[in-house]
Amino acid sequence: MERKVRARSESIACGAMIIASLVLLNLLSLRAFGRVDLTKRQLFTLSDGTTRIVRGLRDQLTITVYFTPNQPPPANDDERFLRDQLDEYRSIGAGRVKVVFGATDNEERRRAADTAGCEKAPLQAVDQRQEQATIQEVYRCVAFEYLGRRAKIAFLPPGVQGLEYEL
C-alpha cells in the first residue's frame, strides 16, 4: 500500500514540475522573441543592409498600413506576410519603429486611407467551385512618416515578393 502512495506522490510531483517548467518557459518566451528562417534563400529574413538602416534610425519611424480585410485569394496571404515583415522591422528597430494597421472596414478608415493618398484598386477573385470571377476594390497601401517627411506606396500589387526593397 505504501508503494502505491509513494508512486502516486512522485507522479504528482513530476507532473507539477513539468507544468511549472512549461509555465516558466512560456513566460520567458514572452520576453525573448526569436525566429528561425529555414528557407534556402532566406525569404523571411531581412537583409544586412535593411537591418543596418533600421537600427540606425535617429527618430521615430511610423508605418501605417491600410489594407482591406478579406481580400480574394491569393492576395489574402499578403497581409499576413506584411505583418510578419513589419514585426521584424519593429523588433530590430529598438523602439523607433511604430507600426499601425488600419483595416479599411468602415467609412472613417476609408477616408483616412484616402487622406493618406492611398489608391483603391480592383482585384479579381476567381471562385473555381462556382466557376465565376468577381472584381473587388481594395486598399493595399503603406504610408511612412519619418523626421516630418511622408512617403507612401499607394498600392502594393498582389504577391509581395521583394517587399523589403519596396519599403
Foldseek 3Di string as FASTA:
>chain_A
DVVVVVVVVVVVVVVVVVVVVVVVVVVVCVVDPDDDQPDPVSQLDADPVLLVVLCPAPAAKEKEWEKAAPDAPPLNCVVVSVVSNLVVSCVSNVNRYHYHYQHPPDDVSVVVLVVLVADWDWDWHADVVVGDIDIDTITTKMWIAGPNDIDIDRHQDGDCRVVSVVD
